[in-house]
C-alpha atoms as a PDB file:
ATOM      1  CA  MET A   1     102.462 130.485 127.103  1.00  0.00           C
ATOM      2  CA  SER A   2      99.942 127.942 126.100  1.00  0.00           C
ATOM      3  CA  PRO A   3      99.633 124.619 127.724  1.00  0.00           C
ATOM      4  CA  ALA A   4     101.223 121.654 125.643  1.00  0.00           C
ATOM      5  CA  ILE A   5      97.893 119.884 124.943  1.00  0.00           C
ATOM      6  CA  HIS A   6      97.933 116.055 123.201  1.00  0.00           C
ATOM      7  CA  LEU A   7      94.167 115.377 122.759  1.00  0.00           C
ATOM      8  CA  ALA A   8      94.457 115.435 118.904  1.00  0.00           C
ATOM      9  CA  GLN A   9      97.664 113.694 118.690  1.00  0.00           C
ATOM     10  CA  GLN A  10      98.370 115.934 115.414  1.00  0.00           C
ATOM     11  CA  PRO A  11     100.794 119.152 116.103  1.00  0.00           C
ATOM     12  CA  GLU A  12      98.728 121.992 114.378  1.00  0.00           C
ATOM     13  CA  ALA A  13      95.193 120.679 115.987  1.00  0.00           C
ATOM     14  CA  ASP A  14      96.750 120.442 119.828  1.00  0.00           C
ATOM     15  CA  GLU A  15      98.557 123.901 119.079  1.00  0.00           C
ATOM     16  CA  LEU A  16      94.852 125.627 118.786  1.00  0.00           C
ATOM     17  CA  LEU A  17      93.288 123.214 121.657  1.00  0.00           C
ATOM     18  CA  GLY A  18      96.317 124.452 124.138  1.00  0.00           C
ATOM     19  CA  ARG A  19      95.651 128.543 122.774  1.00  0.00           C
ATOM     20  CA  SER A  20      92.033 128.506 121.986  1.00  0.00           C
ATOM     21  CA  PRO A  21      89.427 127.859 125.201  1.00  0.00           C
ATOM     22  CA  LEU A  22      86.852 128.118 122.370  1.00  0.00           C
ATOM     23  CA  ALA A  23      88.549 125.350 120.790  1.00  0.00           C
ATOM     24  CA  ALA A  24      88.766 123.056 123.802  1.00  0.00           C
ATOM     25  CA  LEU A  25      85.222 123.484 124.668  1.00  0.00           C
ATOM     26  CA  ILE A  26      84.698 122.298 121.298  1.00  0.00           C
ATOM     27  CA  GLY A  27      86.674 119.214 121.089  1.00  0.00           C
ATOM     28  CA  MET A  28      85.033 118.174 124.736  1.00  0.00           C
ATOM     29  CA  LEU A  29      81.466 118.619 123.105  1.00  0.00           C
ATOM     30  CA  LEU A  30      82.678 116.767 119.780  1.00  0.00           C
ATOM     31  CA  ASP A  31      84.111 113.958 122.376  1.00  0.00           C
ATOM     32  CA  GLN A  32      81.240 111.270 122.141  1.00  0.00           C
ATOM     33  CA  GLN A  33      80.572 108.100 119.866  1.00  0.00           C
ATOM     34  CA  ILE A  34      84.195 108.947 118.396  1.00  0.00           C
ATOM     35  CA  PRO A  35      87.617 108.567 118.878  1.00  0.00           C
ATOM     36  CA  MET A  36      88.969 110.966 121.173  1.00  0.00           C
ATOM     37  CA  GLU A  37      91.430 112.137 118.588  1.00  0.00           C
ATOM     38  CA  TRP A  38      89.171 112.785 115.784  1.00  0.00           C
ATOM     39  CA  ALA A  39      87.018 114.663 118.171  1.00  0.00           C
ATOM     40  CA  PHE A  40      89.449 116.902 119.527  1.00  0.00           C
ATOM     41  CA  THR A  41      91.177 117.332 115.897  1.00  0.00           C
ATOM     42  CA  GLY A  42      87.513 119.065 115.162  1.00  0.00           C
ATOM     43  CA  PRO A  43      88.336 122.053 116.370  1.00  0.00           C
ATOM     44  CA  TYR A  44      91.491 122.647 113.820  1.00  0.00           C
ATOM     45  CA  THR A  45      89.385 121.267 110.893  1.00  0.00           C
ATOM     46  CA  ILE A  46      86.537 123.618 111.437  1.00  0.00           C
ATOM     47  CA  ALA A  47      88.958 126.759 111.632  1.00  0.00           C
ATOM     48  CA  GLN A  48      90.892 125.490 108.772  1.00  0.00           C
ATOM     49  CA  ARG A  49      87.169 125.466 106.515  1.00  0.00           C
ATOM     50  CA  LEU A  50      86.556 128.785 108.118  1.00  0.00           C
ATOM     51  CA  GLY A  51      89.396 130.041 106.818  1.00  0.00           C
ATOM     52  CA  GLY A  52      91.407 130.728 109.675  1.00  0.00           C
ATOM     53  CA  ASP A  53      93.691 129.602 112.491  1.00  0.00           C
ATOM     54  CA  ASP A  54      91.278 130.311 115.078  1.00  0.00           C
ATOM     55  CA  LEU A  55      87.637 130.131 115.859  1.00  0.00           C
ATOM     56  CA  ASP A  56      85.525 132.749 116.657  1.00  0.00           C
ATOM     57  CA  ALA A  57      82.076 132.127 118.801  1.00  0.00           C
ATOM     58  CA  ALA A  58      80.260 134.898 117.432  1.00  0.00           C
ATOM     59  CA  GLU A  59      81.061 133.834 113.824  1.00  0.00           C
ATOM     60  CA  ILE A  60      79.957 130.601 114.295  1.00  0.00           C
ATOM     61  CA  ALA A  61      77.196 131.493 116.239  1.00  0.00           C
ATOM     62  CA  ALA A  62      75.844 133.467 113.674  1.00  0.00           C
ATOM     63  CA  PHE A  63      76.572 131.235 110.623  1.00  0.00           C
ATOM     64  CA  ASP A  64      73.676 129.698 108.404  1.00  0.00           C
ATOM     65  CA  PRO A  65      72.872 126.896 109.978  1.00  0.00           C
ATOM     66  CA  ASP A  66      72.976 124.736 106.521  1.00  0.00           C
ATOM     67  CA  ALA A  67      76.344 125.964 105.389  1.00  0.00           C
ATOM     68  CA  PHE A  68      77.773 125.173 108.723  1.00  0.00           C
ATOM     69  CA  ALA A  69      76.807 121.582 108.845  1.00  0.00           C
ATOM     70  CA  GLU A  70      78.033 121.916 105.243  1.00  0.00           C
ATOM     71  CA  VAL A  71      81.164 122.758 106.915  1.00  0.00           C
ATOM     72  CA  MET A  72      80.991 119.576 109.183  1.00  0.00           C
ATOM     73  CA  LYS A  73      80.045 117.192 106.513  1.00  0.00           C
ATOM     74  CA  GLN A  74      82.458 118.077 104.147  1.00  0.00           C
ATOM     75  CA  GLN A  75      85.149 114.659 103.960  1.00  0.00           C
ATOM     76  CA  PRO A  76      86.798 113.944 106.335  1.00  0.00           C
ATOM     77  CA  ALA A  77      83.664 114.819 107.989  1.00  0.00           C
ATOM     78  CA  VAL A  78      84.923 116.524 111.733  1.00  0.00           C
ATOM     79  CA  HIS A  79      82.046 113.718 113.109  1.00  0.00           C
ATOM     80  CA  ARG A  80      80.663 110.545 112.627  1.00  0.00           C
ATOM     81  CA  TYR A  81      77.289 112.770 113.168  1.00  0.00           C
ATOM     82  CA  PRO A  82      78.307 115.785 111.184  1.00  0.00           C
ATOM     83  CA  GLY A  83      74.783 117.362 110.963  1.00  0.00           C
ATOM     84  CA  ASN A  84      73.568 116.997 114.684  1.00  0.00           C
ATOM     85  CA  MET A  85      77.000 117.964 115.543  1.00  0.00           C
ATOM     86  CA  ALA A  86      76.812 121.027 113.797  1.00  0.00           C
ATOM     87  CA  LYS A  87      73.730 122.133 115.457  1.00  0.00           C
ATOM     88  CA  ARG A  88      75.115 121.495 118.651  1.00  0.00           C
ATOM     89  CA  VAL A  89      78.557 123.432 118.113  1.00  0.00           C
ATOM     90  CA  GLN A  90      76.498 126.362 117.224  1.00  0.00           C
ATOM     91  CA  VAL A  91      73.745 126.228 119.950  1.00  0.00           C
ATOM     92  CA  LEU A  92      76.829 126.510 122.002  1.00  0.00           C
ATOM     93  CA  CYS A  93      78.663 129.196 120.619  1.00  0.00           C
ATOM     94  CA  GLN A  94      75.285 131.049 120.956  1.00  0.00           C
ATOM     95  CA  TYR A  95      75.087 130.463 124.517  1.00  0.00           C
ATOM     96  CA  LEU A  96      78.844 131.718 124.893  1.00  0.00           C
ATOM     97  CA  VAL A  97      77.660 134.980 122.740  1.00  0.00           C
ATOM     98  CA  GLN A  98      74.714 135.253 124.765  1.00  0.00           C
ATOM     99  CA  GLU A  99      76.158 134.815 128.120  1.00  0.00           C
ATOM    100  CA  TYR A 100      79.790 135.639 128.257  1.00  0.00           C
ATOM    101  CA  GLU A 101      79.950 137.759 124.944  1.00  0.00           C
ATOM    102  CA  GLY A 102      81.691 135.243 122.909  1.00  0.00           C
ATOM    103  CA  ASP A 103      84.488 134.873 125.161  1.00  0.00           C
ATOM    104  CA  ALA A 104      84.973 131.025 126.169  1.00  0.00           C
ATOM    105  CA  GLU A 105      87.913 131.733 129.171  1.00  0.00           C
ATOM    106  CA  ALA A 106      84.972 133.592 130.727  1.00  0.00           C
ATOM    107  CA  ILE A 107      83.611 130.480 132.034  1.00  0.00           C
ATOM    108  CA  TRP A 108      86.438 130.176 134.200  1.00  0.00           C
ATOM    109  CA  ARG A 109      88.619 133.145 134.621  1.00  0.00           C
ATOM    110  CA  ASP A 110      86.667 134.273 137.299  1.00  0.00           C
ATOM    111  CA  ALA A 111      85.670 131.417 139.050  1.00  0.00           C
ATOM    112  CA  GLU A 112      86.571 131.011 142.671  1.00  0.00           C
ATOM    113  CA  THR A 113      85.618 127.818 143.605  1.00  0.00           C
ATOM    114  CA  GLY A 114      85.643 124.615 141.794  1.00  0.00           C
ATOM    115  CA  GLY A 115      81.920 124.059 142.138  1.00  0.00           C
ATOM    116  CA  GLU A 116      80.868 127.416 140.965  1.00  0.00           C
ATOM    117  CA  LEU A 117      83.471 126.237 137.851  1.00  0.00           C
ATOM    118  CA  LEU A 118      81.393 122.830 137.643  1.00  0.00           C
ATOM    119  CA  ALA A 119      78.167 124.535 137.482  1.00  0.00           C
ATOM    120  CA  ARG A 120      78.918 127.104 135.181  1.00  0.00           C
ATOM    121  CA  LEU A 121      80.675 124.026 132.884  1.00  0.00           C
ATOM    122  CA  LYS A 122      77.224 121.783 133.535  1.00  0.00           C
ATOM    123  CA  ALA A 123      75.029 124.901 132.009  1.00  0.00           C
ATOM    124  CA  LEU A 124      76.321 124.661 128.311  1.00  0.00           C
ATOM    125  CA  PRO A 125      74.333 123.230 126.044  1.00  0.00           C
ATOM    126  CA  GLY A 126      75.643 119.559 125.201  1.00  0.00           C
ATOM    127  CA  PHE A 127      77.533 119.630 128.767  1.00  0.00           C
ATOM    128  CA  GLY A 128      76.153 117.201 131.315  1.00  0.00           C
ATOM    129  CA  GLU A 129      77.183 115.886 134.224  1.00  0.00           C
ATOM    130  CA  GLN A 130      79.882 114.002 133.503  1.00  0.00           C
ATOM    131  CA  LYS A 131      81.328 116.244 130.135  1.00  0.00           C
ATOM    132  CA  ALA A 132      81.461 118.806 132.671  1.00  0.00           C
ATOM    133  CA  LYS A 133      83.576 116.470 135.025  1.00  0.00           C
ATOM    134  CA  ILE A 134      85.749 115.334 132.806  1.00  0.00           C
ATOM    135  CA  PHE A 135      86.488 119.273 131.283  1.00  0.00           C
ATOM    136  CA  LEU A 136      87.036 120.157 134.924  1.00  0.00           C
ATOM    137  CA  ALA A 137      89.295 117.652 135.390  1.00  0.00           C
ATOM    138  CA  LEU A 138      90.911 118.756 132.215  1.00  0.00           C
ATOM    139  CA  LEU A 139      90.798 122.742 132.709  1.00  0.00           C
ATOM    140  CA  GLY A 140      92.887 121.490 136.570  1.00  0.00           C
ATOM    141  CA  LYS A 141      95.705 119.317 135.369  1.00  0.00           C
ATOM    142  CA  ARG A 142      96.070 120.487 131.701  1.00  0.00           C
ATOM    143  CA  TYR A 143      95.523 124.329 131.553  1.00  0.00           C
ATOM    144  CA  GLY A 144      96.613 125.239 135.166  1.00  0.00           C
ATOM    145  CA  VAL A 145      92.748 126.660 136.124  1.00  0.00           C
ATOM    146  CA  GLN A 146      92.761 125.633 139.326  1.00  0.00           C
ATOM    147  CA  PRO A 147      90.424 127.285 141.526  1.00  0.00           C
ATOM    148  CA  GLU A 148      89.501 125.922 145.216  1.00  0.00           C
ATOM    149  CA  GLY A 149      88.502 122.354 145.374  1.00  0.00           C
ATOM    150  CA  TRP A 150      88.462 121.811 141.685  1.00  0.00           C
ATOM    151  CA  ARG A 151      89.789 118.160 142.384  1.00  0.00           C
ATOM    152  CA  GLU A 152      86.695 117.605 144.825  1.00  0.00           C
ATOM    153  CA  ALA A 153      84.416 119.065 142.169  1.00  0.00           C
ATOM    154  CA  ALA A 154      85.452 116.782 139.408  1.00  0.00           C
ATOM    155  CA  GLY A 155      85.005 113.767 141.450  1.00  0.00           C
ATOM    156  CA  ALA A 156      86.844 110.739 140.318  1.00  0.00           C
ATOM    157  CA  TYR A 157      88.168 112.302 137.394  1.00  0.00           C
ATOM    158  CA  GLY A 158      89.977 114.877 139.539  1.00  0.00           C
ATOM    159  CA  GLU A 159      92.356 112.303 140.849  1.00  0.00           C
ATOM    160  CA  GLU A 160      96.262 111.997 140.703  1.00  0.00           C
ATOM    161  CA  GLY A 161      97.636 109.883 138.231  1.00  0.00           C
ATOM    162  CA  SER A 162      94.402 108.511 137.341  1.00  0.00           C
ATOM    163  CA  TYR A 163      93.976 106.986 133.309  1.00  0.00           C
ATOM    164  CA  ARG A 164      90.141 107.888 133.257  1.00  0.00           C
ATOM    165  CA  SER A 165      89.576 110.601 130.604  1.00  0.00           C
ATOM    166  CA  ALA A 166      90.981 113.077 128.582  1.00  0.00           C
ATOM    167  CA  ALA A 167      92.073 115.388 131.458  1.00  0.00           C
ATOM    168  CA  ASP A 168      94.774 112.280 131.943  1.00  0.00           C
ATOM    169  CA  ILE A 169      96.469 112.410 128.378  1.00  0.00           C
ATOM    170  CA  THR A 170      99.821 113.662 127.788  1.00  0.00           C
ATOM    171  CA  GLY A 171     100.997 111.475 124.871  1.00  0.00           C
ATOM    172  CA  PRO A 172     100.530 107.994 123.445  1.00  0.00           C
ATOM    173  CA  GLU A 173     101.365 106.313 126.226  1.00  0.00           C
ATOM    174  CA  SER A 174      98.899 107.772 128.241  1.00  0.00           C
ATOM    175  CA  LEU A 175      96.225 107.807 125.699  1.00  0.00           C
ATOM    176  CA  ALA A 176      97.075 103.917 125.411  1.00  0.00           C
ATOM    177  CA  LYS A 177      95.865 103.708 129.424  1.00  0.00           C
ATOM    178  CA  VAL A 178      92.689 105.712 129.298  1.00  0.00           C
ATOM    179  CA  ARG A 179      91.704 104.091 126.155  1.00  0.00           C
ATOM    180  CA  ALA A 180      92.394 100.371 128.161  1.00  0.00           C
ATOM    181  CA  HIS A 181      90.378 101.894 131.312  1.00  0.00           C
ATOM    182  CA  LYS A 182      87.570 102.930 129.088  1.00  0.00           C
ATOM    183  CA  GLN A 183      87.311  99.138 127.650  1.00  0.00           C
ATOM    184  CA  GLU A 184      87.088  97.690 131.174  1.00  0.00           C
ATOM    185  CA  MET A 185      84.574  99.814 132.105  1.00  0.00           C
ATOM    186  CA  LYS A 186      82.715  98.972 128.955  1.00  0.00           C
ATOM    187  CA  GLN A 187      83.299  95.889 130.047  1.00  0.00           C
ATOM    188  CA  ALA A 188      82.076  95.791 133.420  1.00  0.00           C
ATOM    189  CA  ALA A 189      78.745  97.510 132.291  1.00  0.00           C
ATOM    190  CA  LYS A 190      78.806  94.985 130.048  1.00  0.00           C
ATOM    191  CA  ALA A 191      79.169  91.840 132.955  1.00  0.00           C
ATOM    192  CA  ALA A 192      76.590  93.751 134.960  1.00  0.00           C
ATOM    193  CA  LYS A 193      73.806  93.930 132.542  1.00  0.00           C
ATOM    194  CA  ALA A 194      74.241  90.334 131.687  1.00  0.00           C
ATOM    195  CA  ALA A 195      74.377  89.244 135.404  1.00  0.00           C
ATOM    196  CA  LYS A 196      70.963  91.324 135.892  1.00  0.00           C
ATOM    197  CA  GLY A 197      69.498  89.337 132.693  1.00  0.00           C
ATOM    198  CA  GLY A 198      69.141  92.458 131.024  1.00  0.00           C
END
């Protein structure tokens, strides 16, 4: 039974995120410099353009880079920076093929602790510390992937009842709360910068 995911706020795209570990990873990778729903709709758009209803890491990894960039650039584009993100998606898929035989779920399937899982996520191309922690919290809160110490490893993103990130979205209402939190964080960062005279 796939979990009910509401990140794309679009039924078909969310259904794919719920049943495809690779789609969830790619959505997280795309989640930068664009609205979250746009990012998490991306995997579904890619799957449709590749002519299927699922994603295959080996297929994406082996794709001609120019042709894959065109898949991403086709209107409506999958991302604000489709060419750059096409490269990142392919590099991620190539890593999954090399390290996990193309099986995205293998990253977390046998992870025994939150720290171990966080280390695996941080090793993924395109996943820095913050993105890895958010994805760890997303796995724990929405996908039921809860190795020992996962909340601690995810830091503030793992907190119960928080509205900080993609991990906390269960529908339009929580999406609005996460968005408000992000705006507050931006304002605070601007204010701190101004106070420093920077």
